[in-house]
Amino acid sequence: MLRVGILVSGGGTNLQAILDRMDDGHLTNVSVEVVISNNRNAYALERARNHGIRDVAISPKEFETREAFNEAFLAKVDEYKLDLIVLAGFLVTIPEAMTRKYKNRIINIHPSLIPSFCGVGYYGLKVHEAALKRGVKVTGATVHYVDEGVDSGPILLQKAVEVKDGDTPEILQRRVMEEAEWVILPQAIQLIANGQPNN
């Protein structure tokens, strides 16, 4: 059984996609041990509680220094003895000590086809704004391992999504979530847990 921790900052739609795939039997051999958010008001924590999963809120704002937060954050993650950490819309930079300690055990979902529209400053709607501004016809999402860089770790899965005439950043964001993110993030966890994707 793969012990998974999911890190989120907002609504938790990617978290919900993972829970739905567990519920319908498409994601197997996985136990979500904890959902951690930097935002006490994140709806994702409510989703965790509704599923009987432990929820934890820990924010950099509660600490005098980023170093103090990083130390407490890593200690909190360590408590759950996780095999895999999933960043599902987590808007806090992962401490370097954590990327070292959990090397090849942290994955992230990014809302573009890396290496396009990724790296420092590319998150949330900014990614989709950049894609539309550039005029690309195809975008998508990428699940990748997390290393010391930003969106620079090895790619695990990608899925393309068509950009349509009249798309706004919000419309495109929603399509990328529905057609790519919510599909490949559970698939990536299934791949890690069982050695093969399960569609």
Protein backbone atom coordinates (compact mmCIF):
# COMPACT_ATOMS: atom_id res chain seq x y z
CA MET A 1 0.00 0.00 0.00
CA LEU A 2 1.50 3.31 -1.13
CA ARG A 3 1.27 5.88 1.67
CA VAL A 4 0.45 9.21 0.02
CA GLY A 5 0.33 12.77 1.34
CA ILE A 6 -1.37 15.46 -0.76
CA LEU A 7 -0.34 19.12 -0.49
CA VAL A 8 -2.85 21.75 -1.59
CA SER A 9 -3.48 25.48 -1.29
CA GLY A 10 -7.01 26.00 -2.58
CA GLY A 11 -10.20 24.23 -3.59
CA GLY A 12 -8.67 20.82 -4.03
CA THR A 13 -10.18 19.79 -7.38
CA ASN A 14 -7.11 17.65 -8.17
CA LEU A 15 -7.42 16.10 -4.70
CA GLN A 16 -11.08 15.33 -5.49
CA ALA A 17 -10.08 13.70 -8.79
CA ILE A 18 -7.68 11.42 -6.88
CA LEU A 19 -10.35 10.53 -4.28
CA ASP A 20 -12.92 9.87 -7.03
CA ARG A 21 -10.55 7.47 -8.82
CA MET A 22 -9.92 5.66 -5.52
CA ASP A 23 -13.66 5.42 -4.91
CA ASP A 24 -14.41 4.04 -8.39
CA GLY A 25 -11.57 1.51 -8.26
CA HIS A 26 -9.34 3.06 -10.93
CA LEU A 27 -6.69 4.01 -8.36
CA THR A 28 -5.61 1.04 -6.29
CA ASN A 29 -3.04 0.07 -3.68
CA VAL A 30 -3.02 3.66 -2.36
CA SER A 31 -3.75 5.10 1.07
CA VAL A 32 -4.06 8.89 1.40
CA GLU A 33 -2.65 9.45 4.89
CA VAL A 34 -2.91 13.23 5.12
CA VAL A 35 -3.88 16.38 3.25
CA ILE A 36 -1.72 19.39 4.15
CA SER A 37 -2.48 22.99 3.22
CA ASN A 38 -0.77 26.32 3.80
CA ASN A 39 -4.25 27.86 3.84
CA ARG A 40 -6.51 27.18 6.85
CA ASN A 41 -9.56 28.10 4.77
CA ALA A 42 -8.75 25.85 1.82
CA TYR A 43 -11.81 23.87 0.76
CA ALA A 44 -9.43 20.98 0.10
CA LEU A 45 -9.22 20.43 3.88
CA GLU A 46 -13.00 20.04 3.97
CA ARG A 47 -12.77 17.48 1.14
CA ALA A 48 -10.23 15.55 3.22
CA ARG A 49 -12.44 15.60 6.32
CA ASN A 50 -15.42 14.44 4.24
CA HIS A 51 -13.34 11.42 3.20
CA GLY A 52 -12.11 10.65 6.72
CA ILE A 53 -8.57 11.76 5.88
CA ARG A 54 -6.45 13.69 8.37
CA ASP A 55 -6.15 17.36 7.46
CA VAL A 56 -3.37 19.71 8.54
CA ALA A 57 -2.96 23.45 8.04
CA ILE A 58 0.51 24.92 8.39
CA SER A 59 1.36 28.33 6.95
CA PRO A 60 4.60 30.29 6.54
CA LYS A 61 2.69 33.26 8.01
CA GLU A 62 2.57 31.50 11.38
CA PHE A 63 6.36 31.49 11.69
CA GLU A 64 8.87 34.28 12.26
CA THR A 65 11.17 33.10 9.48
CA ARG A 66 10.89 30.95 6.36
CA GLU A 67 13.59 28.71 7.86
CA ALA A 68 11.43 28.07 10.93
CA PHE A 69 8.47 27.23 8.71
CA ASN A 70 10.54 24.94 6.50
CA GLU A 71 11.77 23.02 9.55
CA ALA A 72 8.29 22.66 11.05
CA PHE A 73 6.78 21.79 7.67
CA LEU A 74 9.30 19.02 7.00
CA ALA A 75 8.84 17.67 10.54
CA LYS A 76 5.06 17.58 9.99
CA VAL A 77 5.42 15.75 6.66
CA ASP A 78 7.85 13.27 8.24
CA GLU A 79 5.26 12.33 10.88
CA TYR A 80 3.18 10.48 8.30
CA LYS A 81 5.96 8.23 6.94
CA LEU A 82 4.93 8.89 3.34
CA ASP A 83 6.04 6.94 0.29
CA LEU A 84 4.83 9.65 -2.09
CA ILE A 85 4.08 13.36 -1.76
CA VAL A 86 1.68 14.82 -4.33
CA LEU A 87 1.68 18.57 -4.98
CA ALA A 88 -1.86 19.26 -6.19
CA GLY A 89 -1.98 23.03 -6.53
CA PHE A 90 0.41 23.75 -3.64
CA LEU A 91 1.65 27.33 -3.91
CA VAL A 92 4.50 27.15 -1.41
CA THR A 93 8.06 26.47 -2.51
CA ILE A 94 9.18 23.07 -1.25
CA PRO A 95 12.23 23.40 1.04
CA GLU A 96 15.45 22.07 -0.47
CA ALA A 97 15.94 19.79 2.53
CA MET A 98 12.63 18.17 1.66
CA THR A 99 13.41 17.69 -2.03
CA ARG A 100 16.67 16.02 -0.98
CA LYS A 101 15.10 13.82 1.69
CA TYR A 102 12.19 12.76 -0.55
CA LYS A 103 14.15 12.53 -3.81
CA ASN A 104 12.05 10.83 -6.51
CA ARG A 105 9.11 10.68 -4.08
CA ILE A 106 7.49 14.07 -4.78
CA ILE A 107 5.35 14.68 -7.86
CA ASN A 108 3.67 17.86 -9.08
CA ILE A 109 0.90 18.62 -11.57
CA HIS A 110 1.65 21.63 -13.77
CA PRO A 111 -0.99 23.13 -16.12
CA SER A 112 1.08 23.21 -19.31
CA LEU A 113 3.12 20.90 -21.51
CA ILE A 114 6.54 21.36 -19.94
CA PRO A 115 8.94 22.87 -21.05
CA SER A 116 6.36 25.45 -22.25
CA PHE A 117 5.07 28.04 -19.78
CA CYS A 118 6.80 26.71 -16.70
CA GLY A 119 9.36 27.81 -14.15
CA VAL A 120 9.40 30.81 -11.82
CA GLY A 121 6.24 32.91 -12.00
CA TYR A 122 4.20 30.39 -14.00
CA TYR A 123 1.37 29.13 -11.81
CA GLY A 124 -2.43 29.18 -11.80
CA LEU A 125 -4.05 31.47 -14.34
CA LYS A 126 -0.70 33.01 -15.31
CA VAL A 127 0.14 29.82 -17.24
CA HIS A 128 -3.04 30.01 -19.31
CA GLU A 129 -2.69 33.75 -19.88
CA ALA A 130 0.80 33.14 -21.27
CA ALA A 131 -0.38 30.30 -23.52
CA LEU A 132 -3.16 32.44 -24.99
CA LYS A 133 -0.85 35.44 -25.41
CA ARG A 134 1.65 33.27 -27.30
CA GLY A 135 -1.11 31.92 -29.53
CA VAL A 136 -0.43 28.21 -29.05
CA LYS A 137 -2.98 25.81 -30.53
CA VAL A 138 -2.29 23.02 -28.04
CA THR A 139 -1.60 23.18 -24.32
CA GLY A 140 -2.15 20.60 -21.60
CA ALA A 141 -0.80 19.37 -18.30
CA THR A 142 2.31 17.61 -17.04
CA VAL A 143 2.97 15.41 -14.02
CA HIS A 144 6.64 15.56 -13.12
CA TYR A 145 8.96 14.64 -10.29
CA VAL A 146 10.05 17.54 -8.12
CA ASP A 147 13.73 18.39 -7.83
CA GLU A 148 15.62 21.45 -6.58
CA GLY A 149 14.56 23.51 -9.61
CA VAL A 150 11.15 24.93 -10.53
CA ASP A 151 9.17 22.57 -12.83
CA SER A 152 12.49 21.03 -13.86
CA GLY A 153 12.26 17.42 -12.63
CA PRO A 154 11.79 14.34 -14.85
CA ILE A 155 8.43 14.14 -16.65
CA LEU A 156 6.14 11.24 -15.74
CA LEU A 157 3.00 11.88 -17.83
CA GLN A 158 1.64 14.55 -20.16
CA LYS A 159 -1.72 15.09 -21.84
CA ALA A 160 -2.49 17.60 -24.58
CA VAL A 161 -5.56 19.83 -24.65
CA GLU A 162 -6.79 21.87 -27.62
CA VAL A 163 -6.88 25.65 -27.36
CA LYS A 164 -10.10 26.94 -28.91
CA ASP A 165 -11.08 30.25 -30.51
CA GLY A 166 -12.60 32.55 -27.92
CA ASP A 167 -10.88 30.91 -24.97
CA THR A 168 -10.32 33.11 -21.94
CA PRO A 169 -7.68 32.13 -19.37
CA GLU A 170 -10.50 30.94 -17.08
CA ILE A 171 -12.18 28.81 -19.76
CA LEU A 172 -8.85 27.30 -20.80
CA GLN A 173 -7.89 26.63 -17.18
CA ARG A 174 -11.12 24.71 -16.66
CA ARG A 175 -10.65 22.63 -19.84
CA VAL A 176 -7.05 21.78 -18.93
CA MET A 177 -8.20 20.66 -15.47
CA GLU A 178 -11.09 18.55 -16.74
CA GLU A 179 -9.39 17.00 -19.78
CA ALA A 180 -5.81 16.66 -18.52
CA GLU A 181 -5.04 17.36 -14.85
CA TRP A 182 -7.86 15.29 -13.36
CA VAL A 183 -6.95 12.42 -15.71
CA ILE A 184 -3.18 12.17 -15.51
CA LEU A 185 -2.59 12.96 -11.83
CA PRO A 186 -4.48 9.85 -10.64
CA GLN A 187 -2.86 7.88 -13.50
CA ALA A 188 0.60 8.94 -12.34
CA ILE A 189 -0.11 7.83 -8.77
CA GLN A 190 -1.47 4.53 -10.09
CA LEU A 191 1.71 4.10 -12.14
CA ILE A 192 3.89 4.64 -9.07
CA ALA A 193 1.71 2.45 -6.82
CA ASN A 194 1.32 -0.46 -9.23
CA GLY A 195 3.96 -0.10 -11.90
CA GLN A 196 1.48 0.60 -14.69
CA PRO A 197 -1.14 3.19 -15.60
CA ASN A 198 -4.76 2.17 -15.14
CA ASN A 199 -7.18 3.98 -17.43
